[in-house]
Each structure stands twice: as C-alpha cells, then as structure tokens.
Protein backbone atom coordinates (compact mmCIF):
# COMPACT_ATOMS: atom_id res chain seq x y z
CA MET A 1 -8.41 131.08 83.36
CA ASN A 2 -6.56 130.67 80.08
CA LYS A 3 -3.19 130.93 81.77
CA ASN A 4 -4.02 128.14 84.25
CA ILE A 5 -5.72 125.72 81.87
CA ARG A 6 -4.20 122.24 81.89
CA ILE A 7 -4.32 119.29 79.54
CA SER A 8 -6.38 117.44 82.16
CA ASP A 9 -9.03 120.21 82.00
CA ILE A 10 -9.27 119.85 78.22
CA ALA A 11 -9.49 116.07 78.54
CA GLN A 12 -12.26 116.31 81.12
CA LYS A 13 -14.33 118.71 79.00
CA ALA A 14 -13.84 116.56 75.89
CA GLY A 15 -14.55 113.33 77.76
CA VAL A 16 -11.31 111.71 76.63
CA SER A 17 -8.03 110.67 78.23
CA ILE A 18 -5.09 112.99 78.83
CA GLY A 19 -3.07 110.83 76.41
CA THR A 20 -5.58 111.49 73.62
CA VAL A 21 -5.31 115.25 74.12
CA ASP A 22 -1.51 114.97 74.16
CA ARG A 23 -1.56 113.06 70.84
CA VAL A 24 -3.70 115.76 69.23
CA ILE A 25 -1.53 118.62 70.52
CA HIS A 26 1.70 117.00 69.35
CA GLU A 27 0.20 115.48 66.18
CA ARG A 28 1.30 111.95 66.92
CA GLY A 29 -0.56 108.67 67.21
CA GLU A 30 -4.01 107.70 65.97
CA VAL A 31 -7.01 109.80 66.95
CA SER A 32 -10.38 109.76 65.16
CA GLU A 33 -11.13 112.84 63.09
CA LYS A 34 -14.30 113.54 65.10
CA THR A 35 -12.41 113.45 68.41
CA ARG A 36 -9.52 115.49 67.02
CA LYS A 37 -11.87 118.27 65.86
CA LYS A 38 -13.66 118.25 69.22
CA ILE A 39 -10.38 118.63 71.14
CA LEU A 40 -9.09 121.35 68.82
CA LYS A 41 -12.33 123.29 69.28
CA ILE A 42 -11.96 123.16 73.05
CA ILE A 43 -8.30 124.18 72.80
CA GLU A 44 -9.35 127.19 70.71
CA GLU A 45 -12.09 128.12 73.19
CA PHE A 46 -9.64 128.06 76.08
CA ASN A 47 -6.92 129.75 73.97
CA TYR A 48 -4.63 127.03 75.28
CA ARG A 49 -0.93 127.21 74.41
CA PRO A 50 1.20 124.21 75.38
CA ASN A 51 4.41 125.00 77.25
CA ILE A 52 6.77 123.53 74.67
CA LEU A 53 9.87 124.74 76.47
CA ALA A 54 8.87 123.13 79.74
CA SER A 55 8.17 119.90 77.88
CA SER A 56 11.60 120.08 76.26
CA LEU A 57 13.28 120.52 79.63
CA ALA A 58 11.27 117.71 81.20
CA SER A 59 11.98 115.24 78.40
CA LYS A 60 15.73 115.91 78.58
CA ARG A 61 15.83 115.25 74.84
CA THR A 62 18.81 116.61 72.92
CA ILE A 63 18.00 118.74 69.89
CA GLN A 64 20.89 118.46 67.46
CA PHE A 65 21.62 121.24 64.95
CA ALA A 66 24.38 121.35 62.36
CA SER A 67 25.83 124.30 60.45
CA LEU A 68 27.77 124.41 57.19
CA SER A 69 29.64 127.62 56.42
CA PRO A 70 32.96 128.76 54.93
CA TYR A 71 36.12 128.15 56.93
CA ALA A 72 37.45 131.25 58.71
CA PRO A 73 41.27 131.20 58.98
CA ASN A 74 41.24 133.49 62.03
CA LYS A 75 38.86 135.41 64.28
CA GLU A 76 39.27 138.56 62.19
CA ALA A 77 38.03 136.90 59.00
CA TYR A 78 34.50 137.63 57.80
CA TRP A 79 33.19 134.12 58.30
CA SER A 80 34.19 134.09 61.95
CA LYS A 81 31.42 136.66 62.51
CA PRO A 82 28.37 134.44 61.75
CA GLN A 83 30.01 131.77 63.92
CA GLU A 84 30.06 134.24 66.82
CA GLY A 85 26.32 134.74 66.39
CA ILE A 86 25.71 130.99 66.25
CA LYS A 87 27.72 130.42 69.42
CA LYS A 88 25.86 133.20 71.24
CA ALA A 89 22.49 131.68 70.30
CA ILE A 90 23.52 128.15 71.31
CA SER A 91 24.83 129.41 74.66
CA GLN A 92 21.32 130.71 75.37
CA LEU A 93 19.54 127.61 74.04
CA ARG A 94 21.75 124.96 75.62
CA GLN A 95 19.43 124.82 78.67
CA PHE A 96 16.74 123.42 76.36
CA GLY A 97 18.97 120.57 75.21
CA VAL A 98 20.10 122.26 71.97
CA THR A 99 23.54 121.44 70.58
CA MET A 100 25.31 122.60 67.41
CA ASN A 101 27.83 120.69 65.30
CA GLN A 102 29.70 123.09 63.04
CA PHE A 103 31.17 122.02 59.70
CA PHE A 104 33.30 124.18 57.42
CA PHE A 105 34.21 124.20 53.72
CA LYS A 106 36.82 126.10 51.71
CA MET A 107 35.33 128.80 49.53
CA GLU A 108 37.96 128.24 46.85
CA ASP A 109 37.19 124.52 46.65
CA SER A 110 33.54 123.58 46.13
CA GLU A 111 34.37 119.89 46.55
CA THR A 112 34.96 120.52 50.25
CA PHE A 113 31.36 121.74 50.47
CA THR A 114 30.14 118.37 49.18
CA ALA A 115 32.45 116.45 51.51
CA GLU A 116 31.24 118.31 54.61
CA ALA A 117 27.62 118.12 53.47
CA GLU A 118 27.91 114.32 53.32
CA LYS A 119 29.10 114.29 56.94
CA ILE A 120 26.00 116.23 57.96
CA LEU A 121 23.70 113.88 56.06
CA LYS A 122 25.24 110.91 57.87
CA LEU A 123 24.78 112.73 61.18
CA SER A 124 21.09 113.31 60.33
CA PRO A 125 20.56 116.29 62.69
CA ASP A 126 17.20 117.79 63.61
CA GLY A 127 17.91 120.99 61.67
CA VAL A 128 20.65 122.57 59.56
CA LEU A 129 21.99 126.09 59.09
CA VAL A 130 23.59 126.55 55.64
CA ALA A 131 25.59 129.25 53.89
CA PRO A 132 24.84 128.23 50.27
CA TRP A 133 27.98 129.81 48.84
CA ALA A 134 28.54 127.08 46.24
CA ASN A 135 25.21 127.22 44.42
CA ARG A 136 25.36 123.89 42.56
CA GLU A 137 26.60 121.89 45.52
CA ALA A 138 24.27 123.67 47.95
CA LEU A 139 21.23 122.88 45.81
CA GLN A 140 22.16 119.19 45.71
CA PHE A 141 22.64 119.21 49.48
CA THR A 142 19.29 120.85 50.19
CA GLN A 143 17.49 118.42 47.91
CA GLU A 144 18.88 115.58 50.02
CA LEU A 145 17.83 117.38 53.21
CA ASP A 146 14.33 117.70 51.75
CA GLN A 147 14.24 113.97 51.05
CA LYS A 148 15.24 113.21 54.64
CA GLY A 149 12.71 115.72 56.01
CA ILE A 150 15.38 117.83 57.72
CA PRO A 151 14.48 121.55 57.90
CA TYR A 152 17.18 124.11 57.08
CA VAL A 153 17.82 127.84 57.19
CA PHE A 154 20.05 129.90 54.88
CA ILE A 155 22.43 132.67 55.90
CA ASP A 156 24.37 135.17 53.76
CA SER A 157 22.65 134.19 50.50
CA ASN A 158 19.55 132.44 49.23
CA LEU A 159 18.76 129.80 46.61
CA GLU A 160 15.45 130.43 44.89
CA GLU A 161 15.22 126.79 43.79
CA ALA A 162 15.50 125.48 47.36
CA SER A 163 12.86 125.27 50.10
CA PRO A 164 14.33 126.52 53.38
CA ILE A 165 12.02 127.21 56.31
CA GLY A 166 13.63 130.65 56.32
CA PHE A 167 16.62 132.70 55.31
CA ILE A 168 18.43 135.63 56.89
CA ILE A 169 20.37 137.69 54.34
CA GLN A 170 21.08 141.17 53.10
CA ASN A 171 19.32 142.08 49.86
CA SER A 172 22.35 141.78 47.59
CA TYR A 173 20.78 143.54 44.62
CA GLN A 174 19.70 146.52 46.73
CA SER A 175 23.07 146.78 48.47
CA GLY A 176 24.78 146.99 45.07
CA PHE A 177 22.33 149.76 44.15
CA VAL A 178 23.23 151.63 47.36
CA ALA A 179 26.96 151.25 46.62
CA ALA A 180 26.48 152.83 43.19
CA ARG A 181 24.63 155.80 44.65
CA LEU A 182 27.37 156.38 47.24
CA LEU A 183 30.08 156.40 44.59
CA ASP A 184 28.08 158.59 42.22
CA TYR A 185 27.83 161.28 44.89
CA GLY A 186 31.60 161.52 45.21
CA ILE A 187 32.85 161.65 41.61
CA ASN A 188 32.67 164.01 38.67
CA ALA A 189 30.77 163.43 35.45
CA GLY A 190 32.54 161.19 32.94
CA SER A 191 34.43 159.23 35.60
CA ASN A 192 35.98 155.77 35.27
CA ILE A 193 34.46 153.27 37.71
CA LEU A 194 36.05 149.91 38.38
CA LEU A 195 33.94 147.00 39.65
CA ILE A 196 35.99 144.19 41.17
CA HIS A 197 34.87 140.64 41.95
CA VAL A 198 37.21 138.63 44.17
CA ALA A 199 36.16 135.00 43.70
CA LYS A 200 37.48 131.79 42.18
CA GLU A 201 34.10 130.50 41.00
CA LEU A 202 32.09 133.65 40.39
CA GLU A 203 29.32 131.82 38.52
CA ASN A 204 28.75 129.85 41.72
CA ALA A 205 28.46 132.96 43.94
CA HIS A 206 24.94 134.24 43.26
CA HIS A 207 24.95 137.07 45.80
CA LEU A 208 28.06 138.69 44.30
CA LEU A 209 26.44 138.69 40.88
CA GLN A 210 23.30 140.21 42.39
CA ARG A 211 25.38 143.02 43.87
CA GLU A 212 26.82 143.70 40.45
CA LYS A 213 23.35 143.66 38.93
CA GLY A 214 22.07 146.21 41.43
CA PHE A 215 25.16 148.37 40.93
CA ASN A 216 24.70 148.46 37.15
CA GLU A 217 20.96 149.00 37.45
CA TYR A 218 21.51 152.24 39.36
CA PHE A 219 23.41 153.74 36.45
CA LYS A 220 20.73 152.52 34.03
CA SER A 221 17.90 153.92 36.11
CA TYR A 222 19.42 157.29 36.87
CA GLU A 223 21.34 159.86 34.91
CA SER A 224 24.80 158.27 34.76
CA ARG A 225 26.53 161.53 33.84
CA GLY A 226 28.64 159.73 31.27
CA HIS A 227 30.49 157.37 33.64
CA ARG A 228 32.38 154.40 32.18
CA ILE A 229 32.18 151.14 34.15
CA PHE A 230 34.99 148.60 33.88
CA ARG A 231 34.70 145.10 35.34
CA ILE A 232 37.42 142.68 36.42
CA GLU A 233 37.56 139.34 38.21
CA VAL A 234 40.47 138.29 40.44
CA THR A 235 41.06 135.25 42.62
CA GLY A 236 42.55 137.14 45.56
CA ILE A 237 45.84 135.25 45.28
CA GLY A 238 48.64 137.76 44.70
CA ASN A 239 48.23 141.28 43.38
CA GLU A 240 46.28 140.64 40.16
CA ILE A 241 44.57 144.02 39.85
CA PRO A 242 47.41 145.94 38.09
CA GLU A 243 47.67 143.23 35.43
CA LYS A 244 43.91 143.26 34.90
CA LEU A 245 44.01 147.04 34.48
CA ARG A 246 46.73 146.72 31.84
CA GLU A 247 44.51 144.29 29.96
CA LEU A 248 41.86 147.02 29.93
CA ASN A 249 44.41 149.64 28.80
CA LEU A 250 43.59 151.50 31.99
CA LYS A 251 46.12 153.10 34.33
CA GLY A 252 45.65 153.20 38.09
CA ASN A 253 45.52 156.99 38.17
CA GLU A 254 42.72 156.92 35.60
CA VAL A 255 40.38 155.09 37.97
CA ASP A 256 38.10 157.50 39.82
CA ALA A 257 36.01 155.04 41.86
CA VAL A 258 36.16 151.39 42.88
CA PHE A 259 33.41 149.01 44.00
CA VAL A 260 34.48 145.66 45.45
CA THR A 261 31.58 143.22 45.76
CA SER A 262 32.93 141.43 48.85
CA SER A 263 34.86 141.86 52.10
CA LYS A 264 38.13 141.66 50.11
CA VAL A 265 37.97 145.41 49.49
CA HIS A 266 41.36 145.84 51.23
CA LEU A 267 42.99 144.17 48.19
CA ALA A 268 41.84 147.06 46.01
CA VAL A 269 43.30 149.62 48.41
CA GLU A 270 46.68 147.90 48.22
CA SER A 271 46.65 148.37 44.45
CA PHE A 272 45.92 152.10 44.55
CA GLU A 273 47.34 153.48 47.81
CA HIS A 274 50.70 154.33 46.20
CA LEU A 275 48.99 156.90 43.96
CA LYS A 276 49.07 160.59 44.80
CA LYS A 277 45.28 160.59 44.72
CA CYS A 278 43.38 157.38 45.53
CA PRO A 279 40.00 156.64 43.93
CA LYS A 280 36.82 156.61 45.96
CA ILE A 281 36.42 153.06 47.30
CA VAL A 282 33.34 151.19 48.54
CA GLY A 283 33.25 147.59 49.75
CA TYR A 284 31.78 145.29 52.37
CA ASP A 285 32.13 144.21 55.96
CA LEU A 286 33.86 145.26 59.15
CA ILE A 287 36.79 142.87 59.25
CA LYS A 288 40.00 144.05 60.91
CA ARG A 289 41.95 145.13 57.80
CA ASN A 290 38.96 146.96 56.32
CA ILE A 291 38.38 148.79 59.59
CA GLU A 292 42.01 149.95 59.66
CA LEU A 293 41.78 151.28 56.11
CA LEU A 294 38.42 152.93 56.80
CA LYS A 295 39.95 154.79 59.77
CA GLN A 296 42.85 155.89 57.57
CA GLY A 297 40.45 157.28 54.98
CA LYS A 298 41.62 154.85 52.29
CA ILE A 299 38.19 153.21 52.16
CA ASP A 300 35.34 155.69 51.92
CA PHE A 301 32.37 153.48 52.81
CA LEU A 302 31.79 149.94 54.04
CA LEU A 303 28.39 148.30 53.65
CA CYS A 304 27.74 146.00 56.59
CA GLN A 305 25.32 143.07 56.59
CA LYS A 306 25.57 142.19 60.30
CA PRO A 307 26.94 138.65 59.89
CA GLU A 308 26.89 138.09 63.66
CA SER A 309 23.17 138.78 63.68
CA GLN A 310 22.64 136.45 60.72
CA GLY A 311 24.17 133.51 62.59
CA TYR A 312 22.18 134.32 65.73
CA VAL A 313 18.82 134.79 63.99
CA ALA A 314 19.23 131.69 61.80
CA THR A 315 19.88 129.51 64.85
CA SER A 316 16.89 131.06 66.62
CA LEU A 317 14.67 130.33 63.60
CA LEU A 318 15.56 126.64 63.77
CA PHE A 319 14.82 126.62 67.50
CA ASP A 320 11.46 128.35 67.10
CA TYR A 321 10.46 125.97 64.33
CA LEU A 322 11.61 122.70 65.92
CA VAL A 323 11.21 123.31 69.65
CA ARG A 324 8.62 126.07 70.02
CA LYS A 325 6.66 124.57 67.10
CA GLU A 326 6.05 128.06 65.74
CA LYS A 327 5.49 129.16 62.19
CA VAL A 328 8.60 131.18 61.38
CA GLN A 329 8.97 134.07 58.98
CA LYS A 330 10.64 132.83 55.81
CA GLU A 331 12.10 136.09 54.49
CA ASN A 332 14.39 137.89 56.95
CA TYR A 333 16.57 140.73 55.70
CA THR A 334 19.31 142.52 57.56
CA SER A 335 19.65 146.26 57.19
CA ILE A 336 22.02 147.76 54.61
CA ASP A 337 24.25 149.73 56.96
CA ILE A 338 26.59 152.40 55.61
CA ILE A 339 29.68 152.75 57.79
CA THR A 340 32.19 155.61 57.65
CA ARG A 341 35.14 156.37 59.89
CA GLU A 342 32.96 159.02 61.58
CA ASN A 343 30.24 156.60 62.78
CA LEU A 344 32.33 153.42 63.10
CA ASP A 345 32.83 153.66 66.86
CA TYR A 346 29.09 153.87 67.48
CA TYR A 347 28.04 150.94 65.35
CA SER A 348 26.20 147.98 66.90
CA TYR A 349 27.09 144.58 65.43
CA PHE A 350 23.96 142.81 66.68
C-alpha cells in the first residue's frame, strides 16, 4: 500500500485539495498550521515518500552547479583527478537536468581565486563545489554564498569557520601521523628527517600545516629514538632544496628520511637521486611522475586521498541535498591509503 500511495489519496483522507498537499510536501505557499500538521500526520502514517527524481524529470528544470578548484595544467596533474570525478558524476546526473560550470584558479595566485569566485556569485548557481585552498579568500567567498542562500560542499580541505552542507576530505592531521610512522619504521635511531612544504602561501594552506602537525605529533607521542627533524619551505620553482639544506648546514647525504606534505614529492627525489644512497621518501598522490618514481623505488610510499572519489562524492552530495531533498552527512572522510610499488597495480581510484 505504501508503495502505491498517491498525493490524491493523502488529499482525500485529509479532506483538502491536491495542491494543498503539494504545498506542504514541497514547503511552499501558505497553508494553515492545523492543516499542515494534519497532512504531515497522514504522510507519516502512510510512510509516503515523494518521487523527487520523477518530479525533476517532469518539470524539465535545469539544476545548475558550479565548481571552483585549482587549475590543472594537464591531465596528469593532481587537480585533474577531482575534475574526473566531477565529470563522472555529472554524466550520471545529466538526465535529471543537472549541469556543472567549472571555474579554476591558480594556486600560486590567491587573487585568481577571488576573481573566479566573483564570476560564480554573478552566475548564482543552485549549489557550489569548492576546494578552499586559499583560506582567507575561500572564507570570504563562502560568507557571500551564505548570504545568498547557496549551499556548498568542500573537497580536499575544510574551513572550520565556514558552514558547508558537507565536506569530503582526507584527515590531514592523521595522514601526517601515518607518514611519520612509515618513516620511523625504515630508519635507524638518531636519524635526520627532512620535512618539506612546497607552497607559495603556506599560511593559506591549512591542510598542509595539519599534515605537519600530525607528523610532529607522532614523534612527540611515541619514542622518537633521538631523531632530528628539519623543516624547509620551497615554492616549487627551480631546484631550491639544495640551497635550503645549505642554510641548515645539512648535506644531502646526511638526510635519512624525507616527508613532502603534497603531491610535489617528485621534486625531493630530484634533489637526492644523485646520491649513492637515497633517503627514505614519503609523499602524496598518484600523479604520473610520482608513479614512475614509486615503480623505480625512489619513492618508498605514497599516501593517496582518492581525489577522483572526492569530486564524485561532493557532486553527489549537492544532488542529494538539492534534488532528492535529503539530509546529507556533513563529515565525509576518504581512506588514508598507503601505496607501494608492490600494490600499485591493484589499487582502485574510486
């Protein structure tokens, strides 16, 4: 009976018009509180669930999403991966009238984030998917989305001050903790560990700092065996690592382990691969160059955060919230996957 119940049946039992029941279900128009409660009680008795998807198809209304993420220079770059997930989700949702307008900013230039965000605000889409890489600019953007009543979902990182309907990220702090444990297994007591940030505006990249925090916390929480941790920041333009090591009075062959807090781990390999014995190296993400170096044994471990899945899930969250009218789960974490050259060929990206 519940499967076959219709709006007309609810209207008949309540003694009201079909239009009144429709207004209560979709929370639009004026209905007296007494009538609304009566209809809702009947809906609960029948366990009625409106077919939102059928309504969407029948109305032929276009649901417009927008995404704002870092520009990917080629299909092998990290940020091309979330875009693949977004495209896969949209290809499945297009039949319901869902479209996606993608906007991109340059990670090295936070002003481009603001410029692209303004384009989205002018577009005024139904929902937005955001990679809040530039914290200051992202917070300003989300405040304006809040004012306009536009729901949004975060990928890759989260802003605690913002109010997204949901986020899909890897726990950055915990992944840094995992990286520390992996390195600690492979080095002797009293080793020199180098932590490398590759970023132009590190103070604006919260998730990288969280990875560092988790990394350091491991050695505070467990017996560190006398390791010495050195920290450097580079922009990724040119080979800056040797110069930074000289500033620390540290030679390349004195480094026993390296942790790079981003997908730019291949830059570290290039600085040490000429040595007779390379340090143990851990970094992030299965981009082409990292995969090559992992296969060659020059990178020991890659931590993967399934960026394709992040783009797919974030788009699906917007759809469930706006079209299915469902309450979505706010906190969504990807697994912290440890990839080696031995299990690489069997890894599932989604």
